[in-house]
Each structure stands twice: as C-alpha cells, then as structure tokens.
Amino acid sequence: MPKIYTEQNVLEAALERLRFIFSQFDSVYFSVSGGKDSSVMVQLAERIAAEMHRTYDVLYIDFEAQYARTIAHVEELKTLAHIGTFYHVALPMALRNAVSMLQPKWICWEEASKPLWVRPLPENAITMANCPWDWFQPGEEFEEFIVQFAQWYHQTHPGKTACGVGIRADESLNRFQTIAFYNRKQEYAEKHWTTRIASDVYNFYPLYDWRVEDIWGAVSQLNLMSNEIYELMYKNGLSIHQQRLCQPYGDDQRNGLDQFRALEPETWEKVLNRVQGVNFGCIYCRTTALGNIKSSKPDSMTWEQYAVFLLESIGLYNRELMLHYYGKIRKFLQWYEKQEGISVAEVPQEADKKLEQQKKAVSWRRVARAIEKNDFYMKRLSFSQTKTDQRKLENFVHSWSNFLSKDTETDDRDLRRFLERCEFDAENTSESEKSKLL
C-alpha cells in the first residue's frame, strides 16, 4: 500500500526529518554513491542547510570501475554551495564480485593492478599517497571502512554526529528490516528512521518511505540534478524498478551488468579486463549460471552447441579453467563410448530429467548444466575429487590472486575442505613447484 500521511506527503516528511537532524546534531555528513536515491537526498539536504544556515559534509567512495556518467554526476554534486568537506575516497578496498565463483572479491585501486585500472586516480581524491587515516588497511572491506570513518568523523568533529544514508525500505528485505525492526536497534529520540551505530553517532534515512516513483517525481518537479546513466538505462529497456548502479558486480547490481556494454562501450572495454568473470556475468547475469532466474539455452542452439559456447565464454577470462572442464567432459564421453557403446555423435541432446539428475544418463544438457554451475570437480558428471584436481586447484590459487579465498561460499563439501586447509600463500610456492602443478 502507498504511504499515507494525515497532513503531509513523503517530500514534506523528508524535509521535516532533515530539519530535525540539522537542529539536533552538531555535525552532519551524507554518504552518497552517485545513484538516484543518495543524489536526491543530498540535494534536499542542500535546501534545508541553506534555509537553516548550516553546512554539511559528504562521503563518496569511488569504486574505480564506474560509469563515466556517474563520476560526472558526482562532480556536479560537489558544486552544492553548503558542502563543507567533500570526502572523495579512492582507496584500495575489497568489493564483492558476484560474477565469478573463483574470484569472489576484487580490490579497486589496487596498486598491483594499476595497468588495468579503468581510469586514472581522480584529482583531489583521498588516495594511498595522501591518506590521512592510519587506521585504514589496504584491501579492507567497504563495510569496515564506513564504520571506521563514522568513528573517526565523530572524534574529529564537535558534538553529536549524524550520517545520512539514501536507502528506501521498498528496495530490499534487508533495507526494510533496517527500518521496520526498531525493537532490535537503538534509535535517536524514538525516530524509527534512525539507527545508533556508536556512542553519539547515528545513521538516519530521510527517504526510507519513498518509492522509486517519488524519487523521479522529485527530480522532475524540483528540477534536481540527476545521473544521466539512468536515462540511458531506461532507453535501453530497463524499467525504473530494475535500474541498479553502485559497483556493478554485486549480487543485485550484476543483474544489470549486460547494460554496461550497451550504455558505455568505451568503459566496458576496460572493465572487461579489470574484473574476472565480467564477460561471463554479462552473458549469464540472468541465468542459473549465476544463481538467478531459471536459464534456457538460446533456441538457435542445440545443447551440444550451448555447452561449447559456455566453454568458450569461460576461456575468454581463464583458459586454464576452460581446459580443465574440457578434459573432464572428454573423459566423461569416452567412458560412455567404452562402457555403453554410445559414441560422441550418438550422445542425445536431452535424456530423461530424472535419470540425468540421478547421473544415470548421458546427454549434452547434463554437460551444459555442469558447466553452468562452475562445478570444478565435475561431480554432476559423476567425477569425484582427485589428487590431480587438488593440485590443479592449488596451482590456480597460487597463480591468480583472489582465485579463491577462505570466504568463498560453496555447498560442495570437498571444495569447502580444500578451502579450510589451504594456506593461500603464493610466496610459499616456488616457480618450479607451480610448473609441476600445471
């Protein structure tokens, strides 16, 4: 149901919340992403700050592999007159990579990856060269950083601290829980749209009850600045409810990854080489290959052609992994030819689904599904873990940073055991040892 107020609409309610915050807190900053929600939030804050003769600060964390139009919009926001300090942070942080099971995280602005950076370090940003925070550790999680920043900001600014966050409760269950379960959190002055995160430090969510229609209504009616990338997303077929920004490889954002190539091809070319699995994610972001919607092969392809296509896609970013899967598939087909007399040319495109699931029938669909699932040991093709597989996996870990980590989520028992006992220390493996593992 839409939100109903006795005497005010959601815009008036948000402005009232901002007035309350500026009147109650000595130091106020807003966390922005360049997206539509935080953009509207900070522009409404600008109006109230002007009205109340206040200033505020802004925190923007630059994830490097961003739309160029997002960066352009952030530069627009920097021109707001009542901003005191704009913290443009371009530090090496670990970010979720949901488009690759084998590189679950990547590190933006990592010095070792400088030749592959999507763009140069922005001017006047906080980087490793001028970082003022001794508590920052390269490679730390984004979630860790924002808590540490809030604590540092409070310690270096007078009185009570408030941080504005542009989330809306109707975007996800997690965001809804942040607001709705007020009995599980500490609030400021019993305002359900606030959350205490440290002593005298509170997050507040002035737009928590807005819908996406309200966001674009405010942009239109109040003539607010907006990120041009949303207009391009809309023209390219994404509804206003499907549009996602932030860093594009997260669990939700990856669903729109195929838009990146169409909207900013010049940026896409650089992103393709920057983050492992991006091309795979572009192709399969709406399929079971990445755990989303039920997939179906293209109608123009047979299951055999689809399996080859999947192998080629993997090979674009990891040839060794492609060859590993190819070797398993070849042995699988050879076994059926020797034991059952079914040659490769006679392998059916599909078999009885129940028999496929029970691993009692050969089919190209069974092969394709195994590739889709990134089944490293190929257990779906009746293989078990072997010492050769383990050595090969160890070689992958030592050869590519972030190929796997102890934080990798998997329901494969053997892979989980490997993760638990692997030291993930490339320096302990000599070049000669690596060559033996190939």
Protein backbone atom coordinates (compact mmCIF):
# COMPACT_ATOMS: atom_id res chain seq x y z
CA MET A 1 0.00 0.00 0.00
CA PRO A 2 1.18 3.57 -0.62
CA LYS A 3 2.33 5.59 2.38
CA ILE A 4 -0.45 7.79 3.77
CA TYR A 5 0.14 10.82 5.99
CA THR A 6 -2.52 12.94 7.63
CA GLU A 7 -1.20 16.33 6.59
CA GLN A 8 1.94 15.79 4.51
CA ASN A 9 3.34 13.85 1.57
CA VAL A 10 6.65 11.97 1.52
CA LEU A 11 8.56 15.02 0.29
CA GLU A 12 7.32 17.15 3.16
CA ALA A 13 8.07 14.32 5.59
CA ALA A 14 11.66 14.03 4.29
CA LEU A 15 12.25 17.77 4.57
CA GLU A 16 10.91 17.70 8.12
CA ARG A 17 13.33 14.90 9.01
CA LEU A 18 16.24 16.87 7.60
CA ARG A 19 15.25 19.94 9.62
CA PHE A 20 15.09 17.75 12.71
CA ILE A 21 18.57 16.35 12.09
CA PHE A 22 20.15 19.75 11.46
CA SER A 23 18.54 21.10 14.62
CA GLN A 24 19.57 18.16 16.82
CA PHE A 25 23.07 17.27 15.61
CA ASP A 26 26.22 19.35 15.66
CA SER A 27 27.98 17.52 12.82
CA VAL A 28 26.19 16.06 9.79
CA TYR A 29 27.51 14.24 6.74
CA PHE A 30 25.83 12.34 3.93
CA SER A 31 27.02 9.13 2.27
CA VAL A 32 26.45 9.29 -1.49
CA SER A 33 27.02 6.81 -4.30
CA GLY A 34 26.16 8.85 -7.36
CA GLY A 35 22.88 6.93 -7.57
CA LYS A 36 19.40 8.44 -7.72
CA ASP A 37 18.42 7.99 -4.05
CA SER A 38 21.50 9.47 -2.41
CA SER A 39 21.59 12.21 -5.05
CA VAL A 40 18.06 13.35 -4.23
CA MET A 41 18.79 13.07 -0.50
CA VAL A 42 21.82 15.36 -0.57
CA GLN A 43 20.11 17.90 -2.83
CA LEU A 44 17.17 18.11 -0.43
CA ALA A 45 19.69 18.50 2.40
CA GLU A 46 21.25 21.40 0.49
CA ARG A 47 17.91 23.22 0.53
CA ILE A 48 17.40 22.72 4.24
CA ALA A 49 21.02 23.65 5.02
CA ALA A 50 20.54 26.93 3.14
CA GLU A 51 17.29 27.56 4.98
CA MET A 52 18.89 26.90 8.40
CA HIS A 53 22.31 28.45 7.62
CA ARG A 54 24.11 25.16 8.16
CA THR A 55 26.89 23.29 6.38
CA TYR A 56 27.33 19.56 5.99
CA ASP A 57 29.95 17.14 4.65
CA VAL A 58 29.72 14.40 2.03
CA LEU A 59 31.39 10.97 1.84
CA TYR A 60 31.75 9.41 -1.61
CA ILE A 61 33.62 6.12 -2.04
CA ASP A 62 34.90 5.74 -5.59
CA PHE A 63 34.90 2.08 -6.70
CA GLU A 64 37.03 2.76 -9.83
CA ALA A 65 35.04 0.59 -12.27
CA GLN A 66 32.15 3.02 -12.53
CA TYR A 67 30.10 4.52 -15.31
CA ALA A 68 31.78 7.68 -16.58
CA ARG A 69 28.42 9.43 -16.22
CA THR A 70 28.31 8.51 -12.53
CA ILE A 71 31.64 10.25 -12.00
CA ALA A 72 30.37 13.26 -13.95
CA HIS A 73 27.30 13.44 -11.71
CA VAL A 74 29.43 13.21 -8.57
CA GLU A 75 31.40 16.20 -9.85
CA GLU A 76 28.08 18.04 -10.24
CA LEU A 77 27.15 17.30 -6.64
CA LYS A 78 30.46 18.75 -5.46
CA THR A 79 29.21 22.19 -6.56
CA LEU A 80 26.44 22.32 -3.92
CA ALA A 81 27.06 25.52 -2.02
CA HIS A 82 26.69 24.35 1.58
CA ILE A 83 29.07 21.39 1.47
CA GLY A 84 31.89 21.86 3.94
CA THR A 85 34.21 18.97 3.00
CA PHE A 86 33.62 16.51 0.19
CA TYR A 87 35.50 13.29 1.04
CA HIS A 88 36.15 11.70 -2.35
CA VAL A 89 37.73 8.40 -1.30
CA ALA A 90 39.70 6.37 -3.86
CA LEU A 91 41.41 3.78 -1.68
CA PRO A 92 42.04 0.05 -2.35
CA MET A 93 39.03 -1.73 -0.86
CA ALA A 94 37.80 -5.29 -1.27
CA LEU A 95 34.49 -5.50 -3.08
CA ARG A 96 32.07 -8.32 -3.78
CA ASN A 97 32.42 -9.93 -7.22
CA ALA A 98 29.24 -11.92 -7.78
CA VAL A 99 30.01 -12.72 -11.41
CA SER A 100 32.77 -15.23 -10.63
CA MET A 101 32.75 -18.11 -8.17
CA LEU A 102 36.52 -18.25 -8.49
CA GLN A 103 37.29 -14.60 -7.74
CA PRO A 104 34.64 -13.71 -5.12
CA LYS A 105 36.29 -10.38 -4.37
CA TRP A 106 38.30 -7.81 -6.25
CA ILE A 107 40.21 -4.77 -4.97
CA CYS A 108 39.57 -1.41 -6.55
CA TRP A 109 42.54 0.98 -6.98
CA GLU A 110 44.94 -1.85 -6.12
CA GLU A 111 48.46 -0.68 -6.96
CA ALA A 112 49.46 -4.09 -8.34
CA SER A 113 46.64 -3.83 -10.88
CA LYS A 114 47.39 -0.26 -11.95
CA PRO A 115 47.96 -1.13 -15.65
CA LEU A 116 44.38 -2.48 -15.71
CA TRP A 117 42.69 0.40 -13.89
CA VAL A 118 39.51 1.51 -15.61
CA ARG A 119 40.57 5.14 -15.26
CA PRO A 120 43.32 7.21 -13.57
CA LEU A 121 43.04 8.22 -9.95
CA PRO A 122 40.71 11.23 -9.69
CA GLU A 123 42.18 14.60 -8.83
CA ASN A 124 41.71 15.91 -5.30
CA ALA A 125 40.72 12.46 -4.03
CA ILE A 126 41.91 10.71 -0.89
CA THR A 127 44.32 8.03 -2.13
CA MET A 128 47.09 5.90 -0.62
CA ALA A 129 49.51 8.72 -1.45
CA ASN A 130 47.74 11.21 0.82
CA CYS A 131 45.57 9.04 3.08
CA PRO A 132 45.07 10.85 6.41
CA TRP A 133 43.84 7.76 8.28
CA ASP A 134 46.35 5.48 10.00
CA TRP A 135 43.53 3.06 10.74
CA PHE A 136 42.92 2.26 7.06
CA GLN A 137 44.32 -1.06 5.82
CA PRO A 138 44.55 -1.68 2.04
CA GLY A 139 42.17 -4.41 0.99
CA GLU A 140 39.73 -3.96 3.87
CA GLU A 141 36.02 -4.39 3.29
CA PHE A 142 33.81 -1.47 2.31
CA GLU A 143 31.54 -2.25 5.27
CA GLU A 144 34.51 -2.00 7.66
CA PHE A 145 35.57 1.33 6.21
CA ILE A 146 32.25 3.12 6.61
CA VAL A 147 32.09 2.20 10.32
CA GLN A 148 35.70 3.31 10.88
CA PHE A 149 35.05 6.54 9.00
CA ALA A 150 31.98 7.29 11.12
CA GLN A 151 34.01 6.81 14.30
CA TRP A 152 36.87 8.97 13.01
CA TYR A 153 34.48 11.68 11.84
CA HIS A 154 32.82 11.81 15.24
CA GLN A 155 36.15 12.03 17.03
CA THR A 156 37.33 14.93 14.86
CA HIS A 157 34.09 16.93 14.73
CA PRO A 158 32.19 18.55 17.60
CA GLY A 159 29.15 17.16 19.41
CA LYS A 160 26.74 14.52 18.15
CA THR A 161 27.20 13.08 14.68
CA ALA A 162 24.56 12.10 12.12
CA CYS A 163 25.17 10.32 8.82
CA GLY A 164 22.51 10.49 6.12
CA VAL A 165 22.04 7.31 4.09
CA GLY A 166 19.87 7.23 0.97
CA ILE A 167 18.14 3.88 1.32
CA ARG A 168 14.49 3.12 0.67
CA ALA A 169 12.71 0.35 2.56
CA ASP A 170 10.91 -0.97 -0.54
CA GLU A 171 14.17 -1.78 -2.37
CA SER A 172 15.04 -4.97 -0.49
CA LEU A 173 14.18 -7.05 2.55
CA ASN A 174 17.43 -6.07 4.28
CA ARG A 175 16.66 -2.39 3.87
CA PHE A 176 13.12 -2.92 5.08
CA GLN A 177 14.45 -4.67 8.19
CA THR A 178 16.80 -1.75 8.89
CA ILE A 179 13.75 0.44 9.37
CA ALA A 180 10.93 -1.87 10.42
CA PHE A 181 12.50 -3.85 13.27
CA TYR A 182 13.05 -0.86 15.51
CA ASN A 183 12.80 -3.06 18.60
CA ARG A 184 16.15 -4.63 17.57
CA LYS A 185 18.11 -1.39 17.37
CA GLN A 186 18.77 1.78 19.30
CA GLU A 187 17.23 4.93 17.88
CA TYR A 188 17.53 8.65 18.37
CA ALA A 189 14.53 10.30 20.08
CA GLU A 190 12.38 7.25 19.16
CA LYS A 191 12.61 8.08 15.47
CA HIS A 192 12.33 4.76 13.61
CA TRP A 193 14.24 6.21 10.67
CA THR A 194 17.42 6.45 12.76
CA THR A 195 19.91 3.79 13.94
CA ARG A 196 22.64 4.20 16.53
CA ILE A 197 25.98 2.86 15.24
CA ALA A 198 28.27 4.18 18.02
CA SER A 199 28.14 6.47 21.03
CA ASP A 200 26.56 9.74 19.86
CA VAL A 201 26.74 8.58 16.22
CA TYR A 202 23.54 7.81 14.30
CA ASN A 203 22.60 6.86 10.77
CA PHE A 204 19.40 8.41 9.52
CA TYR A 205 17.30 7.58 6.47
CA PRO A 206 15.28 10.60 5.33
CA LEU A 207 13.88 8.87 2.21
CA TYR A 208 13.15 5.48 3.78
CA ASP A 209 9.43 5.55 2.88
CA TRP A 210 9.84 6.83 -0.68
CA ARG A 211 9.09 4.78 -3.78
CA VAL A 212 11.17 4.96 -6.94
CA GLU A 213 8.31 6.94 -8.49
CA ASP A 214 8.72 9.52 -5.71
CA ILE A 215 12.43 9.83 -6.50
CA TRP A 216 11.89 10.64 -10.16
CA GLY A 217 8.88 12.82 -9.29
CA ALA A 218 11.15 14.94 -7.07
CA VAL A 219 13.82 15.16 -9.78
CA SER A 220 11.21 16.39 -12.24
CA GLN A 221 9.15 18.69 -10.03
CA LEU A 222 12.10 20.25 -8.17
CA ASN A 223 14.41 20.37 -11.21
CA LEU A 224 17.13 18.40 -9.39
CA MET A 225 20.39 17.23 -10.94
CA SER A 226 20.45 13.54 -11.85
CA ASN A 227 22.81 10.88 -13.18
CA GLU A 228 22.37 10.70 -16.95
CA ILE A 229 23.09 6.97 -16.94
CA TYR A 230 19.54 6.26 -15.71
CA GLU A 231 18.07 7.90 -18.78
CA LEU A 232 20.23 5.66 -20.96
CA MET A 233 19.20 2.59 -18.94
CA TYR A 234 15.55 3.45 -19.49
CA LYS A 235 16.06 3.96 -23.22
CA ASN A 236 17.85 0.61 -23.36
CA GLY A 237 14.89 -1.27 -21.92
CA LEU A 238 15.31 -1.25 -18.11
CA SER A 239 12.30 -0.07 -16.14
CA ILE A 240 12.83 2.39 -13.29
CA HIS A 241 12.41 -0.53 -10.88
CA GLN A 242 15.20 -2.59 -12.46
CA GLN A 243 17.89 0.08 -12.61
CA ARG A 244 20.90 -0.51 -10.34
CA LEU A 245 24.10 1.42 -10.00
CA CYS A 246 26.68 1.18 -7.20
CA GLN A 247 29.59 -1.12 -8.06
CA PRO A 248 28.20 -3.28 -10.88
CA TYR A 249 29.41 -6.73 -9.79
CA GLY A 250 27.42 -7.10 -6.56
CA ASP A 251 24.65 -9.64 -6.07
CA ASP A 252 21.85 -7.27 -7.08
CA GLN A 253 23.78 -4.99 -9.42
CA ARG A 254 25.08 -7.86 -11.59
CA ASN A 255 21.53 -8.35 -12.92
CA GLY A 256 22.05 -5.20 -14.99
CA LEU A 257 25.62 -5.94 -15.97
CA ASP A 258 24.64 -6.66 -19.55
CA GLN A 259 23.59 -2.99 -19.78
CA PHE A 260 27.14 -1.79 -19.14
CA ARG A 261 28.37 -2.85 -22.55
CA ALA A 262 25.48 -1.17 -24.37
CA LEU A 263 25.47 2.11 -22.41
CA GLU A 264 29.17 2.86 -22.18
CA PRO A 265 31.14 0.64 -24.57
CA GLU A 266 34.28 2.70 -24.05
CA THR A 267 34.16 1.97 -20.30
CA TRP A 268 33.06 -1.63 -20.83
CA GLU A 269 36.19 -2.47 -22.79
CA LYS A 270 38.31 -1.51 -19.77
CA VAL A 271 36.02 -3.19 -17.25
CA LEU A 272 36.22 -6.42 -19.24
CA ASN A 273 39.92 -6.70 -18.49
CA ARG A 274 39.69 -5.42 -14.93
CA VAL A 275 37.42 -7.81 -13.04
CA GLN A 276 37.42 -11.58 -13.51
CA GLY A 277 34.19 -13.01 -14.86
CA VAL A 278 32.72 -9.74 -16.14
CA ASN A 279 32.11 -11.04 -19.67
CA PHE A 280 30.69 -14.27 -18.24
CA GLY A 281 28.46 -12.17 -15.99
CA CYS A 282 27.34 -10.03 -18.90
CA ILE A 283 26.25 -13.08 -20.87
CA TYR A 284 24.74 -15.06 -17.98
CA CYS A 285 23.64 -12.41 -15.47
CA ARG A 286 20.01 -13.55 -15.78
CA THR A 287 20.60 -17.32 -15.81
CA THR A 288 21.23 -20.18 -13.41
CA ALA A 289 24.93 -19.81 -14.16
CA LEU A 290 24.92 -17.01 -11.62
CA GLY A 291 22.16 -18.43 -9.48
CA ASN A 292 19.34 -16.19 -10.67
CA ILE A 293 16.45 -16.94 -12.96
CA LYS A 294 15.97 -20.38 -14.49
CA SER A 295 18.05 -20.44 -17.65
CA SER A 296 17.25 -21.78 -21.05
CA LYS A 297 19.66 -22.12 -23.88
CA PRO A 298 19.16 -19.97 -26.98
CA ASP A 299 16.55 -21.53 -29.26
CA SER A 300 19.00 -21.40 -32.15
CA MET A 301 21.46 -23.68 -30.34
CA THR A 302 21.46 -27.36 -29.55
CA TRP A 303 22.56 -28.39 -26.05
CA GLU A 304 25.88 -29.50 -27.57
CA GLN A 305 26.41 -26.08 -29.15
CA TYR A 306 25.40 -24.41 -25.90
CA ALA A 307 27.98 -26.46 -23.94
CA VAL A 308 30.71 -25.42 -26.39
CA PHE A 309 29.55 -21.82 -26.14
CA LEU A 310 29.82 -21.94 -22.35
CA LEU A 311 33.34 -23.34 -22.55
CA GLU A 312 34.37 -20.59 -24.96
CA SER A 313 32.91 -17.95 -22.64
CA ILE A 314 34.91 -19.25 -19.69
CA GLY A 315 38.00 -19.38 -21.86
CA LEU A 316 37.76 -15.64 -22.51
CA TYR A 317 38.92 -14.92 -18.97
CA ASN A 318 40.51 -18.19 -17.81
CA ARG A 319 41.84 -20.54 -20.47
CA GLU A 320 43.26 -22.98 -17.90
CA LEU A 321 39.87 -23.41 -16.27
CA MET A 322 38.26 -23.96 -19.67
CA LEU A 323 40.81 -26.70 -20.45
CA HIS A 324 40.18 -28.29 -17.04
CA TYR A 325 36.45 -28.57 -17.78
CA TYR A 326 37.13 -29.77 -21.33
CA GLY A 327 39.33 -32.58 -20.04
CA LYS A 328 36.64 -33.76 -17.64
CA ILE A 329 33.94 -33.68 -20.31
CA ARG A 330 36.13 -35.61 -22.73
CA LYS A 331 36.73 -38.39 -20.19
CA PHE A 332 33.01 -38.46 -19.37
CA LEU A 333 32.08 -39.00 -23.03
CA GLN A 334 34.86 -41.55 -23.56
CA TRP A 335 33.57 -43.62 -20.63
CA TYR A 336 30.09 -43.82 -22.15
CA GLU A 337 31.54 -44.77 -25.52
CA LYS A 338 33.62 -47.57 -23.97
CA GLN A 339 31.11 -48.86 -21.40
CA GLU A 340 27.76 -48.18 -23.08
CA GLY A 341 28.74 -48.09 -26.74
CA ILE A 342 27.44 -44.55 -27.15
CA SER A 343 29.74 -42.58 -29.41
CA VAL A 344 30.07 -38.81 -29.16
CA ALA A 345 27.98 -38.44 -32.32
CA GLU A 346 25.22 -40.52 -30.69
CA VAL A 347 25.03 -38.59 -27.40
CA PRO A 348 21.44 -37.27 -27.18
CA GLN A 349 20.75 -33.59 -26.66
CA GLU A 350 18.43 -34.45 -23.76
CA ALA A 351 17.63 -37.50 -21.68
CA ASP A 352 15.03 -38.20 -19.02
CA LYS A 353 15.48 -35.39 -16.45
CA LYS A 354 15.16 -37.75 -13.53
CA LEU A 355 17.86 -40.04 -14.93
CA GLU A 356 20.09 -37.03 -15.60
CA GLN A 357 19.68 -35.88 -12.00
CA GLN A 358 20.47 -39.40 -10.78
CA LYS A 359 23.59 -39.40 -13.00
CA LYS A 360 22.33 -42.44 -14.88
CA ALA A 361 22.06 -40.99 -18.37
CA VAL A 362 24.37 -39.14 -20.72
CA SER A 363 23.18 -36.03 -22.54
CA TRP A 364 24.54 -32.72 -23.73
CA ARG A 365 22.07 -30.97 -21.43
CA ARG A 366 23.71 -32.67 -18.45
CA VAL A 367 27.13 -31.48 -19.66
CA ALA A 368 25.94 -27.90 -20.19
CA ARG A 369 24.31 -27.71 -16.74
CA ALA A 370 27.54 -28.88 -15.11
CA ILE A 371 29.49 -26.09 -16.83
CA GLU A 372 26.83 -23.54 -15.91
CA LYS A 373 27.22 -24.35 -12.25
CA ASN A 374 31.00 -23.90 -12.29
CA ASP A 375 31.26 -27.45 -10.93
CA PHE A 376 35.06 -27.57 -10.57
CA TYR A 377 35.26 -31.28 -9.75
CA MET A 378 32.51 -32.03 -12.28
CA LYS A 379 30.58 -34.12 -9.77
CA ARG A 380 27.48 -33.67 -11.90
CA LEU A 381 29.27 -35.81 -14.48
CA SER A 382 29.97 -38.50 -11.83
CA PHE A 383 33.56 -37.44 -11.11
CA SER A 384 34.92 -37.35 -7.58
CA GLN A 385 37.67 -35.22 -6.13
CA THR A 386 41.16 -36.46 -7.09
CA LYS A 387 44.72 -35.54 -6.11
CA THR A 388 45.24 -34.20 -9.62
CA ASP A 389 42.23 -31.90 -9.20
CA GLN A 390 43.56 -30.72 -5.88
CA ARG A 391 47.00 -29.94 -7.30
CA LYS A 392 45.43 -28.11 -10.21
CA LEU A 393 43.24 -26.08 -7.85
CA GLU A 394 46.27 -25.25 -5.70
CA ASN A 395 48.08 -24.07 -8.82
CA PHE A 396 45.17 -21.81 -9.73
CA VAL A 397 45.15 -20.34 -6.22
CA HIS A 398 48.88 -19.62 -6.29
CA SER A 399 48.87 -18.29 -9.84
CA TRP A 400 45.99 -15.81 -9.58
CA SER A 401 45.22 -13.61 -6.61
CA ASN A 402 41.62 -13.92 -5.39
CA PHE A 403 41.02 -17.07 -7.49
CA LEU A 404 39.56 -18.49 -4.30
CA SER A 405 39.51 -17.25 -0.73
CA LYS A 406 38.57 -18.68 2.64
CA ASP A 407 35.42 -16.55 2.42
CA THR A 408 34.21 -18.29 -0.74
CA GLU A 409 30.70 -19.61 -0.20
CA THR A 410 30.10 -23.11 -1.52
CA ASP A 411 27.92 -26.10 -0.69
CA ASP A 412 30.49 -28.51 -2.16
CA ARG A 413 31.91 -30.48 0.76
CA ASP A 414 35.24 -31.29 -0.90
CA LEU A 415 35.79 -27.72 -2.05
CA ARG A 416 34.98 -26.46 1.46
CA ARG A 417 37.56 -28.88 2.94
CA PHE A 418 40.12 -27.63 0.42
CA LEU A 419 39.43 -24.03 1.46
CA GLU A 420 39.79 -24.88 5.13
CA ARG A 421 43.22 -26.47 4.77
CA CYS A 422 44.66 -24.24 2.03
CA GLU A 423 47.03 -21.58 3.33
CA PHE A 424 46.53 -19.24 0.34
CA ASP A 425 50.16 -18.19 0.44
CA ALA A 426 51.60 -17.78 -3.06
CA GLU A 427 55.04 -16.96 -1.67
CA ASN A 428 55.37 -20.45 -0.22
CA THR A 429 55.14 -21.99 -3.67
CA SER A 430 58.24 -21.74 -5.85
CA GLU A 431 58.07 -21.31 -9.60
CA SER A 432 59.33 -24.88 -10.08
CA GLU A 433 56.59 -26.22 -7.84
CA LYS A 434 53.99 -24.25 -9.79
CA SER A 435 55.20 -25.71 -13.08
CA LYS A 436 54.79 -29.23 -11.66
CA LEU A 437 51.20 -28.47 -10.81
CA LEU A 438 50.26 -27.49 -14.36
